Protein backbone atom coordinates (compact mmCIF):
# COMPACT_ATOMS: atom_id res chain seq x y z
CA MET A 1 2.57 22.39 -29.29
CA LYS A 2 6.58 22.30 -29.01
CA PRO A 3 7.93 25.06 -26.62
CA GLU A 4 9.71 27.69 -27.99
CA THR A 5 13.29 27.09 -25.79
CA PHE A 6 14.47 30.93 -25.54
CA LEU A 7 11.12 32.75 -24.45
CA THR A 8 12.23 36.66 -22.74
CA PRO A 9 10.29 38.86 -21.18
CA GLU A 10 10.67 40.99 -24.14
CA LYS A 11 9.67 38.14 -26.74
CA ILE A 12 6.78 37.49 -24.76
CA ARG A 13 5.41 41.26 -25.05
CA ASP A 14 6.00 41.29 -28.90
CA LEU A 15 4.47 38.17 -29.50
CA THR A 16 1.11 38.63 -27.39
CA LEU A 17 1.01 42.71 -28.06
CA PRO A 18 -1.84 41.68 -31.22
CA VAL A 19 -3.46 39.49 -28.58
CA TRP A 20 -4.10 41.89 -26.36
CA ARG A 21 -4.91 44.61 -29.08
CA ALA A 22 -7.36 41.92 -30.26
CA PHE A 23 -9.02 41.33 -26.73
CA PRO A 24 -9.96 45.13 -25.53
CA GLN A 25 -11.26 43.16 -22.03
CA VAL A 26 -7.97 42.78 -20.91
CA LYS A 27 -7.01 46.01 -19.45
CA PHE A 28 -3.25 45.06 -18.44
CA ALA A 29 -1.30 41.89 -18.45
CA TYR A 30 1.74 40.88 -16.49
CA LEU A 31 4.37 38.07 -17.37
CA TYR A 32 5.41 36.42 -13.85
CA GLY A 33 6.54 33.76 -12.46
CA SER A 34 10.28 32.15 -13.28
CA LEU A 35 10.04 33.82 -16.70
CA ALA A 36 9.58 37.45 -15.39
CA ARG A 37 12.66 36.43 -12.95
CA GLY A 38 15.20 35.38 -15.43
CA ASP A 39 15.65 31.86 -13.70
CA ASN A 40 13.15 30.01 -16.18
CA TRP A 41 14.44 26.49 -17.58
CA ILE A 42 12.87 24.61 -21.06
CA TYR A 43 10.51 23.15 -19.06
CA SER A 44 9.11 26.26 -17.12
CA ASP A 45 5.46 27.44 -18.05
CA VAL A 46 4.81 31.05 -19.15
CA ASP A 47 2.97 32.41 -16.08
CA ILE A 48 0.85 35.37 -17.54
CA ALA A 49 -1.79 37.60 -14.85
CA VAL A 50 -4.35 39.52 -16.68
CA TYR A 51 -7.43 42.07 -15.27
CA LEU A 52 -10.62 41.68 -17.19
CA PHE A 53 -12.85 43.45 -17.73
CA PRO A 54 -15.81 42.80 -18.35
CA GLU A 55 -15.22 39.43 -17.35
CA LYS A 56 -16.81 36.38 -19.29
CA PRO A 57 -15.75 32.74 -19.30
CA MET A 58 -15.27 32.90 -22.89
CA HIS A 59 -13.35 35.53 -23.01
CA LEU A 60 -11.12 33.50 -20.83
CA LEU A 61 -11.12 30.69 -22.97
CA ASP A 62 -10.45 32.25 -26.33
CA LEU A 63 -7.51 34.35 -24.43
CA ARG A 64 -5.75 31.58 -23.49
CA ALA A 65 -5.70 30.50 -27.27
CA ALA A 66 -5.00 33.27 -29.19
CA LEU A 67 -2.12 33.65 -26.33
CA ALA A 68 -0.77 29.45 -27.45
CA ARG A 69 -0.95 30.36 -30.50
CA ALA A 70 1.01 33.54 -30.27
CA LEU A 71 4.00 32.37 -28.17
CA LYS A 72 3.57 28.55 -30.02
CA ARG A 73 2.91 26.28 -27.16
CA ASP A 74 0.12 25.63 -24.49
CA ASP A 75 1.74 25.45 -21.01
CA ILE A 76 -0.15 28.83 -20.75
CA ASP A 77 -0.98 29.42 -17.12
CA LEU A 78 -3.16 32.32 -16.91
CA LEU A 79 -4.40 34.40 -13.96
CA ILE A 80 -7.31 36.43 -13.58
CA MET A 81 -5.82 39.38 -11.35
CA ASN A 82 -9.35 40.87 -10.86
CA HIS A 83 -10.60 37.21 -9.48
CA THR A 84 -8.29 35.88 -7.66
CA ASN A 85 -8.35 36.45 -3.45
CA ASN A 86 -4.34 35.35 -3.09
CA ILE A 87 -3.40 39.22 -1.82
CA ILE A 88 0.29 37.72 -1.31
CA LEU A 89 0.49 36.23 -5.12
CA LEU A 90 -0.73 39.54 -6.04
CA GLU A 91 1.99 41.50 -4.73
CA ALA A 92 4.49 39.38 -6.03
CA ILE A 93 3.01 39.57 -9.43
CA ILE A 94 3.08 43.66 -9.22
CA ARG A 95 6.57 43.61 -7.19
CA GLU A 96 8.32 41.42 -9.08
CA GLY A 97 6.08 40.54 -12.28
CA VAL A 98 6.68 42.51 -16.16
CA LEU A 99 4.16 44.55 -17.26
CA LEU A 100 3.53 43.32 -20.78
CA PHE A 101 0.84 45.61 -21.88
CA GLU A 102 -1.49 48.32 -19.81
CA ARG A 103 -4.83 49.82 -21.82
CA ASP A 104 -6.09 51.66 -18.83
CA PRO A 105 -2.68 52.98 -16.57
CA ASP A 106 -5.19 54.93 -14.24
CA LEU A 107 -6.80 51.14 -13.53
CA ARG A 108 -3.53 49.73 -13.53
CA GLN A 109 -2.11 51.70 -10.88
CA GLN A 110 -4.81 52.47 -9.12
CA PHE A 111 -5.38 48.36 -8.49
CA GLU A 112 -1.56 47.88 -7.87
CA SER A 113 -1.70 50.94 -5.22
CA GLU A 114 -4.97 48.84 -3.48
CA THR A 115 -3.17 45.70 -3.86
CA LEU A 116 -0.19 47.11 -2.27
CA HIS A 117 -2.37 48.76 0.56
CA GLN A 118 -4.14 45.40 1.12
CA ALA A 119 -0.96 43.33 1.03
CA ILE A 120 0.49 45.55 3.86
CA ASP A 121 -2.47 45.39 6.29
CA PHE A 122 -2.84 41.43 5.75
CA ARG A 123 0.74 41.43 7.19
CA GLU A 124 -0.01 43.58 9.99
CA GLN A 125 -2.74 41.45 11.13
CA ARG A 126 -0.68 38.46 10.62
CA LYS A 127 1.84 39.71 13.03
CA GLN A 128 -1.22 40.49 15.65
CA ILE A 129 -2.97 37.62 15.04
CA MET A 130 0.20 35.73 16.01
CA GLY A 131 1.41 37.79 18.36
CA LEU A 132 4.57 39.25 16.73
C-alpha cells in the first residue's frame, strides 16, 4: 500500500475509530512516536500502542490488518501495552503520545498511574545502583 502522505493525529483518530469499535478487546489506544510528536516525514511509520483484554494472538493479527486497511498503509508498528516490560517506553507513550480511543477510562487511568509510579521507582532504583 502506498503511504498516506499527510497523516495527522486527528486524521488517524478519525480513520481508526471504526476499527476500535469493531474490536471490543481494545480498551484504549495511543498514537506515539514521530507522528504523535509532529516531527514525522514521508517515510515515518505509524506507531500505535493498545491495551488488549482479553489478549489473543489472532486479535493482534486481525487488528493490525484492520488498521492497515483503515489507514491505507502497511507500515503499522503495533505495541501491546499490557504485554510490554519496557517501562521507559510505556512512560513515553503515556506522557508524549496521543490518546486515540478509550473504551474504559478507569482502566486507562489505573494503568497510567501504575506505569508512571513504576517508572519513578525504576529511576530511583537505577540511581541507587549507580551510586548517584
